[in-house]
């Protein structure tokens, strides 16, 4: 169908391209996705386009699923263990798609720059971003 991606969702291609654009504009060589869950499309897309992207996830079953698909992922709390993430993974950019507001606020406290894809109804609960790229909010 025109306008739809393999996942069947409208706008996925544009959303993924905007994520890649932000990564490239920031010159990020190491990117960390926080809370990929079962949805591995962002991590897969970035890696397919040559980005050194790693997933960080608190649920072991989601980490195993990513690893089984050949995608790097670690079982760690990105906010509670931010020192470890910064020291070991050394991200140039941290991003999260549709995180709970509490997680988004924690990421903003612990990292910079941060790219968030929030639900529209939750955007007002966060500070004003430095820049908007479609559905993505950049905090730098």
N, C-alpha and C. Protein backbone atom coordinates (compact mmCIF):
# COMPACT_ATOMS: atom_id res chain seq x y z
N UNK A 1 0.84 -1.18 0.00
CA UNK A 1 0.00 0.00 0.00
C UNK A 1 0.88 1.24 0.00
N UNK A 2 0.51 2.24 -0.76
CA UNK A 2 1.27 3.47 -0.75
C UNK A 2 1.20 4.13 0.63
N UNK A 3 2.33 4.71 1.05
CA UNK A 3 2.35 5.43 2.32
C UNK A 3 2.53 4.54 3.54
N UNK A 4 2.60 3.25 3.32
CA UNK A 4 2.77 2.35 4.46
C UNK A 4 4.12 1.65 4.37
N UNK A 5 4.66 1.31 5.52
CA UNK A 5 5.93 0.60 5.56
C UNK A 5 5.67 -0.88 5.77
N UNK A 6 6.76 -1.65 5.85
CA UNK A 6 6.61 -3.09 6.09
C UNK A 6 5.83 -3.36 7.36
N UNK A 7 5.95 -2.47 8.36
CA UNK A 7 5.23 -2.68 9.61
C UNK A 7 3.76 -2.34 9.45
N UNK A 8 3.41 -1.68 8.33
CA UNK A 8 2.02 -1.33 8.11
C UNK A 8 1.64 0.00 8.74
N UNK A 9 2.60 0.71 9.33
CA UNK A 9 2.30 1.97 10.00
C UNK A 9 2.67 3.14 9.10
N UNK A 10 1.76 4.08 8.99
CA UNK A 10 2.05 5.29 8.22
C UNK A 10 3.08 6.13 8.97
N UNK A 11 3.95 6.75 8.22
CA UNK A 11 4.89 7.67 8.83
C UNK A 11 6.14 7.04 9.39
N UNK A 12 6.22 5.71 9.46
CA UNK A 12 7.41 5.07 10.02
C UNK A 12 8.67 5.45 9.26
N UNK A 13 8.59 5.43 7.93
CA UNK A 13 9.77 5.76 7.13
C UNK A 13 10.25 7.17 7.43
N UNK A 14 9.34 8.13 7.47
CA UNK A 14 9.71 9.51 7.76
C UNK A 14 10.27 9.64 9.16
N UNK A 15 9.67 8.98 10.11
CA UNK A 15 10.14 9.02 11.50
C UNK A 15 11.55 8.44 11.62
N UNK A 16 11.79 7.34 10.94
CA UNK A 16 13.11 6.71 10.97
C UNK A 16 14.15 7.59 10.27
N UNK A 17 13.77 8.19 9.16
CA UNK A 17 14.70 9.07 8.44
C UNK A 17 15.05 10.30 9.28
N UNK A 18 14.07 10.83 10.01
CA UNK A 18 14.34 11.99 10.87
C UNK A 18 15.27 11.61 12.03
N UNK A 19 15.11 10.41 12.55
CA UNK A 19 16.02 9.93 13.59
C UNK A 19 17.44 9.85 13.04
N UNK A 20 17.59 9.25 11.88
CA UNK A 20 18.91 9.13 11.26
C UNK A 20 19.49 10.51 10.96
N UNK A 21 18.66 11.41 10.49
CA UNK A 21 19.11 12.78 10.22
C UNK A 21 19.65 13.45 11.48
N UNK A 22 18.93 13.30 12.58
CA UNK A 22 19.37 13.89 13.85
C UNK A 22 20.70 13.30 14.29
N UNK A 23 20.85 11.99 14.17
CA UNK A 23 22.11 11.32 14.54
C UNK A 23 23.26 11.88 13.71
N UNK A 24 23.04 12.02 12.42
CA UNK A 24 24.10 12.52 11.53
C UNK A 24 24.40 13.99 11.77
N UNK A 25 23.36 14.80 11.96
CA UNK A 25 23.58 16.23 12.21
C UNK A 25 24.35 16.46 13.51
N UNK A 26 24.12 15.62 14.50
CA UNK A 26 24.83 15.75 15.77
C UNK A 26 26.23 15.14 15.71
N UNK A 27 26.51 14.42 14.63
CA UNK A 27 27.82 13.78 14.51
C UNK A 27 28.02 12.68 15.53
N UNK A 28 26.94 12.06 15.94
CA UNK A 28 27.00 11.01 16.97
C UNK A 28 27.60 9.73 16.39
N UNK A 29 28.69 9.27 16.99
CA UNK A 29 29.29 8.03 16.52
C UNK A 29 28.80 6.83 17.33
N UNK A 30 28.38 7.04 18.55
CA UNK A 30 27.81 5.96 19.38
C UNK A 30 26.47 6.44 19.92
N UNK A 31 25.43 5.68 19.61
CA UNK A 31 24.07 6.04 19.97
C UNK A 31 23.48 4.94 20.84
N UNK A 32 22.76 5.34 21.89
CA UNK A 32 22.12 4.37 22.77
C UNK A 32 20.61 4.59 22.74
N UNK A 33 19.89 3.51 22.44
CA UNK A 33 18.43 3.53 22.51
C UNK A 33 18.03 2.99 23.87
N UNK A 34 17.27 3.77 24.60
CA UNK A 34 16.81 3.36 25.93
C UNK A 34 15.39 2.83 25.82
N UNK A 35 15.20 1.60 26.28
CA UNK A 35 13.87 1.00 26.35
C UNK A 35 13.32 0.56 25.01
N UNK A 36 14.09 -0.21 24.25
CA UNK A 36 13.60 -0.66 22.94
C UNK A 36 12.45 -1.63 23.04
N UNK A 37 12.32 -2.33 24.15
CA UNK A 37 11.22 -3.28 24.30
C UNK A 37 11.25 -4.34 23.21
N UNK A 38 10.06 -4.72 22.73
CA UNK A 38 9.96 -5.70 21.65
C UNK A 38 10.19 -5.06 20.30
N UNK A 39 10.05 -3.73 20.25
CA UNK A 39 10.15 -3.00 18.98
C UNK A 39 11.61 -2.70 18.67
N UNK A 40 12.15 -3.37 17.71
CA UNK A 40 13.56 -3.22 17.36
C UNK A 40 13.78 -2.43 16.08
N UNK A 41 12.74 -1.77 15.56
CA UNK A 41 12.87 -1.12 14.26
C UNK A 41 13.83 0.07 14.27
N UNK A 42 13.86 0.84 15.35
CA UNK A 42 14.78 2.00 15.39
C UNK A 42 16.23 1.52 15.42
N UNK A 43 16.50 0.60 16.32
CA UNK A 43 17.85 0.05 16.47
C UNK A 43 18.30 -0.61 15.16
N UNK A 44 17.44 -1.41 14.57
CA UNK A 44 17.76 -2.07 13.31
C UNK A 44 18.04 -1.06 12.20
N UNK A 45 17.19 -0.07 12.08
CA UNK A 45 17.33 0.93 11.03
C UNK A 45 18.66 1.67 11.15
N UNK A 46 18.98 2.12 12.35
CA UNK A 46 20.24 2.85 12.54
C UNK A 46 21.44 1.98 12.19
N UNK A 47 21.44 0.74 12.65
CA UNK A 47 22.56 -0.15 12.38
C UNK A 47 22.67 -0.45 10.88
N UNK A 48 21.52 -0.63 10.22
CA UNK A 48 21.53 -0.86 8.76
C UNK A 48 22.12 0.33 8.01
N UNK A 49 22.08 1.51 8.62
CA UNK A 49 22.61 2.72 7.99
C UNK A 49 23.97 3.11 8.57
N UNK A 50 24.66 2.15 9.15
CA UNK A 50 26.04 2.35 9.57
C UNK A 50 26.25 3.05 10.89
N UNK A 51 25.20 3.21 11.68
CA UNK A 51 25.32 3.86 12.99
C UNK A 51 25.65 2.81 14.04
N UNK A 52 26.61 3.11 14.89
CA UNK A 52 26.96 2.23 16.01
C UNK A 52 25.93 2.46 17.11
N UNK A 53 24.84 1.73 17.04
CA UNK A 53 23.72 1.88 17.97
C UNK A 53 23.61 0.65 18.86
N UNK A 54 23.34 0.90 20.14
CA UNK A 54 23.22 -0.16 21.15
C UNK A 54 21.93 0.06 21.91
N UNK A 55 21.23 -1.02 22.22
CA UNK A 55 20.02 -0.93 23.02
C UNK A 55 20.32 -1.10 24.50
N UNK A 56 19.56 -0.38 25.32
CA UNK A 56 19.63 -0.50 26.77
C UNK A 56 18.21 -0.78 27.23
N UNK A 57 18.02 -1.87 27.93
CA UNK A 57 16.68 -2.34 28.27
C UNK A 57 16.70 -2.99 29.64
N UNK A 58 15.66 -2.76 30.45
CA UNK A 58 15.60 -3.36 31.78
C UNK A 58 15.00 -4.76 31.77
N UNK A 59 14.27 -5.10 30.74
CA UNK A 59 13.63 -6.43 30.70
C UNK A 59 14.50 -7.41 29.93
N UNK A 60 14.92 -8.44 30.63
CA UNK A 60 15.83 -9.45 30.08
C UNK A 60 15.30 -10.09 28.81
N UNK A 61 14.00 -10.37 28.75
CA UNK A 61 13.46 -11.04 27.56
C UNK A 61 13.59 -10.16 26.31
N UNK A 62 13.52 -8.83 26.47
CA UNK A 62 13.69 -7.94 25.33
C UNK A 62 15.15 -7.88 24.89
N UNK A 63 16.06 -7.94 25.85
CA UNK A 63 17.49 -7.98 25.53
C UNK A 63 17.80 -9.26 24.76
N UNK A 64 17.29 -10.38 25.24
CA UNK A 64 17.51 -11.66 24.56
C UNK A 64 16.98 -11.64 23.13
N UNK A 65 15.81 -11.05 22.96
CA UNK A 65 15.20 -10.97 21.63
C UNK A 65 16.10 -10.16 20.69
N UNK A 66 16.62 -9.03 21.17
CA UNK A 66 17.51 -8.20 20.35
C UNK A 66 18.78 -8.98 20.01
N UNK A 67 19.37 -9.61 21.00
CA UNK A 67 20.60 -10.37 20.76
C UNK A 67 20.38 -11.51 19.77
N UNK A 68 19.22 -12.16 19.87
CA UNK A 68 18.90 -13.25 18.94
C UNK A 68 18.79 -12.75 17.50
N UNK A 69 18.48 -11.47 17.34
CA UNK A 69 18.39 -10.87 16.00
C UNK A 69 19.71 -10.21 15.59
N UNK A 70 20.74 -10.42 16.39
CA UNK A 70 22.04 -9.86 16.06
C UNK A 70 22.21 -8.39 16.39
N UNK A 71 21.32 -7.87 17.24
CA UNK A 71 21.38 -6.46 17.63
C UNK A 71 21.97 -6.34 19.03
N UNK A 72 22.94 -5.46 19.24
CA UNK A 72 23.54 -5.32 20.56
C UNK A 72 22.58 -4.66 21.54
N UNK A 73 22.45 -5.26 22.70
CA UNK A 73 21.57 -4.75 23.74
C UNK A 73 22.10 -5.21 25.09
N UNK A 74 21.98 -4.35 26.08
CA UNK A 74 22.42 -4.72 27.43
C UNK A 74 21.28 -4.52 28.41
N UNK A 75 21.29 -5.35 29.43
CA UNK A 75 20.28 -5.31 30.48
C UNK A 75 20.76 -4.39 31.59
N UNK A 76 20.30 -3.13 31.54
CA UNK A 76 20.72 -2.15 32.52
C UNK A 76 19.66 -1.05 32.63
N UNK A 77 19.57 -0.44 33.79
CA UNK A 77 18.68 0.70 34.03
C UNK A 77 19.44 1.96 33.61
N UNK A 78 19.04 2.57 32.51
CA UNK A 78 19.77 3.71 31.93
C UNK A 78 19.82 4.92 32.86
N UNK A 79 18.83 5.09 33.71
CA UNK A 79 18.82 6.23 34.63
C UNK A 79 19.54 5.85 35.92
N UNK A 80 19.16 4.73 36.52
CA UNK A 80 19.77 4.31 37.78
C UNK A 80 21.24 3.96 37.66
N UNK A 81 21.66 3.54 36.50
CA UNK A 81 23.06 3.17 36.28
C UNK A 81 23.67 4.02 35.15
N UNK A 82 23.33 5.30 35.16
CA UNK A 82 23.79 6.20 34.10
C UNK A 82 25.31 6.33 34.08
N UNK A 83 25.94 6.25 35.25
CA UNK A 83 27.40 6.32 35.29
C UNK A 83 28.02 5.18 34.51
N UNK A 84 27.49 3.98 34.70
CA UNK A 84 27.98 2.81 33.96
C UNK A 84 27.75 2.99 32.46
N UNK A 85 26.55 3.45 32.09
CA UNK A 85 26.24 3.64 30.67
C UNK A 85 27.21 4.65 30.04
N UNK A 86 27.44 5.77 30.73
CA UNK A 86 28.36 6.78 30.18
C UNK A 86 29.79 6.26 30.11
N UNK A 87 30.22 5.53 31.13
CA UNK A 87 31.60 5.04 31.20
C UNK A 87 31.86 3.90 30.22
N UNK A 88 30.92 2.96 30.12
CA UNK A 88 31.14 1.76 29.31
C UNK A 88 30.64 1.92 27.87
N UNK A 89 29.45 2.42 27.69
CA UNK A 89 28.88 2.55 26.34
C UNK A 89 29.30 3.85 25.65
N UNK A 90 29.62 4.86 26.43
CA UNK A 90 30.09 6.16 25.92
C UNK A 90 29.21 6.73 24.81
N UNK A 91 27.92 6.95 25.10
CA UNK A 91 27.04 7.46 24.04
C UNK A 91 27.29 8.93 23.72
N UNK A 92 27.23 9.24 22.43
CA UNK A 92 27.24 10.63 21.96
C UNK A 92 25.82 11.17 21.92
N UNK A 93 24.85 10.24 21.90
CA UNK A 93 23.44 10.59 21.86
C UNK A 93 22.66 9.46 22.51
N UNK A 94 21.69 9.83 23.33
CA UNK A 94 20.75 8.87 23.92
C UNK A 94 19.37 9.22 23.38
N UNK A 95 18.63 8.20 22.94
CA UNK A 95 17.28 8.46 22.46
C UNK A 95 16.32 7.41 22.98
N UNK A 96 15.04 7.79 22.98
CA UNK A 96 14.00 6.86 23.41
C UNK A 96 12.72 7.21 22.68
N UNK A 97 12.02 6.18 22.23
CA UNK A 97 10.76 6.36 21.51
C UNK A 97 9.59 6.00 22.43
N UNK A 98 8.76 6.97 22.66
CA UNK A 98 7.56 6.83 23.47
C UNK A 98 7.84 6.31 24.89
N UNK A 99 8.82 6.90 25.58
CA UNK A 99 9.08 6.45 26.95
C UNK A 99 8.03 7.01 27.90
N UNK A 100 7.85 6.37 29.06
CA UNK A 100 7.00 6.99 30.09
C UNK A 100 7.63 8.34 30.47
N UNK A 101 6.81 9.28 30.89
CA UNK A 101 7.29 10.63 31.23
C UNK A 101 8.39 10.57 32.28
N UNK A 102 8.25 9.71 33.29
CA UNK A 102 9.25 9.61 34.36
C UNK A 102 10.61 9.20 33.79
N UNK A 103 10.61 8.28 32.84
CA UNK A 103 11.87 7.86 32.21
C UNK A 103 12.45 9.00 31.39
N UNK A 104 11.61 9.69 30.63
CA UNK A 104 12.08 10.81 29.81
C UNK A 104 12.74 11.88 30.69
N UNK A 105 12.11 12.20 31.81
CA UNK A 105 12.68 13.20 32.71
C UNK A 105 14.01 12.73 33.29
N UNK A 106 14.10 11.45 33.62
CA UNK A 106 15.35 10.88 34.12
C UNK A 106 16.45 10.95 33.07
N UNK A 107 16.12 10.67 31.83
CA UNK A 107 17.10 10.76 30.75
C UNK A 107 17.59 12.19 30.58
N UNK A 108 16.67 13.14 30.67
CA UNK A 108 17.05 14.55 30.54
C UNK A 108 17.97 15.00 31.68
N UNK A 109 17.77 14.43 32.87
CA UNK A 109 18.63 14.75 34.02
C UNK A 109 20.03 14.16 33.86
N UNK A 110 20.13 12.97 33.27
CA UNK A 110 21.37 12.21 33.27
C UNK A 110 22.23 12.34 32.01
N UNK A 111 21.62 12.73 30.89
CA UNK A 111 22.35 12.71 29.62
C UNK A 111 22.14 13.99 28.82
N UNK A 112 23.05 14.22 27.91
CA UNK A 112 22.92 15.28 26.92
C UNK A 112 23.88 14.94 25.77
N UNK A 113 23.40 15.02 24.57
CA UNK A 113 22.05 15.33 24.13
C UNK A 113 21.12 14.11 24.23
N UNK A 114 19.82 14.43 24.27
CA UNK A 114 18.79 13.40 24.33
C UNK A 114 17.76 13.70 23.24
N UNK A 115 17.35 12.66 22.55
CA UNK A 115 16.33 12.77 21.52
C UNK A 115 15.15 11.92 21.97
N UNK A 116 13.97 12.53 22.05
CA UNK A 116 12.78 11.82 22.54
C UNK A 116 11.66 11.87 21.52
N UNK A 117 11.00 10.74 21.38
CA UNK A 117 9.79 10.63 20.55
C UNK A 117 8.65 10.39 21.54
N UNK A 118 8.03 11.49 21.99
CA UNK A 118 6.99 11.39 23.01
C UNK A 118 5.61 11.25 22.36
N UNK A 119 4.68 10.72 23.14
CA UNK A 119 3.29 10.75 22.71
C UNK A 119 2.87 12.23 22.75
N UNK A 120 2.10 12.63 21.79
CA UNK A 120 1.71 14.05 21.68
C UNK A 120 1.09 14.57 22.97
N UNK A 121 0.27 13.78 23.61
CA UNK A 121 -0.41 14.24 24.82
C UNK A 121 0.53 14.35 26.03
N UNK A 122 1.76 13.83 25.89
CA UNK A 122 2.72 13.90 27.00
C UNK A 122 3.81 14.96 26.80
N UNK A 123 3.88 15.52 25.61
CA UNK A 123 4.93 16.51 25.31
C UNK A 123 4.91 17.69 26.27
N UNK A 124 3.73 18.12 26.68
CA UNK A 124 3.60 19.30 27.53
C UNK A 124 4.21 19.06 28.92
N UNK A 125 4.42 17.82 29.31
CA UNK A 125 4.96 17.52 30.64
C UNK A 125 6.48 17.66 30.71
N UNK A 126 7.11 17.91 29.58
CA UNK A 126 8.56 18.03 29.51
C UNK A 126 8.96 19.48 29.22
N UNK A 127 10.22 19.82 29.51
CA UNK A 127 10.67 21.16 29.15
C UNK A 127 10.62 21.37 27.63
N UNK A 128 10.70 22.61 27.22
CA UNK A 128 10.72 22.92 25.79
C UNK A 128 12.01 22.38 25.18
N UNK A 129 11.92 21.64 24.08
CA UNK A 129 13.14 21.09 23.47
C UNK A 129 13.97 22.18 22.80
N UNK A 130 15.23 21.87 22.59
CA UNK A 130 16.12 22.76 21.86
C UNK A 130 15.67 22.89 20.42
N UNK A 131 15.19 21.75 19.88
CA UNK A 131 14.79 21.69 18.48
C UNK A 131 13.80 20.56 18.27
N UNK A 132 12.90 20.74 17.33
CA UNK A 132 11.96 19.68 16.95
C UNK A 132 12.29 19.22 15.55
N UNK A 133 12.32 17.89 15.40
CA UNK A 133 12.49 17.28 14.08
C UNK A 133 11.30 16.36 13.87
N UNK A 134 10.23 16.89 13.34
CA UNK A 134 9.01 16.10 13.19
C UNK A 134 8.55 15.64 14.56
N UNK A 135 8.39 14.32 14.75
CA UNK A 135 7.92 13.82 16.04
C UNK A 135 9.02 13.74 17.11
N UNK A 136 10.26 14.01 16.74
CA UNK A 136 11.39 13.90 17.66
C UNK A 136 11.69 15.25 18.29
N UNK A 137 11.94 15.24 19.60
CA UNK A 137 12.34 16.43 20.33
C UNK A 137 13.79 16.27 20.77
N UNK A 138 14.62 17.24 20.39
CA UNK A 138 16.03 17.21 20.75
C UNK A 138 16.27 18.12 21.95
N UNK A 139 16.93 17.58 22.94
CA UNK A 139 17.35 18.33 24.12
C UNK A 139 18.87 18.28 24.15
N UNK A 140 19.48 19.45 23.94
CA UNK A 140 20.95 19.49 23.89
C UNK A 140 21.48 20.61 24.80
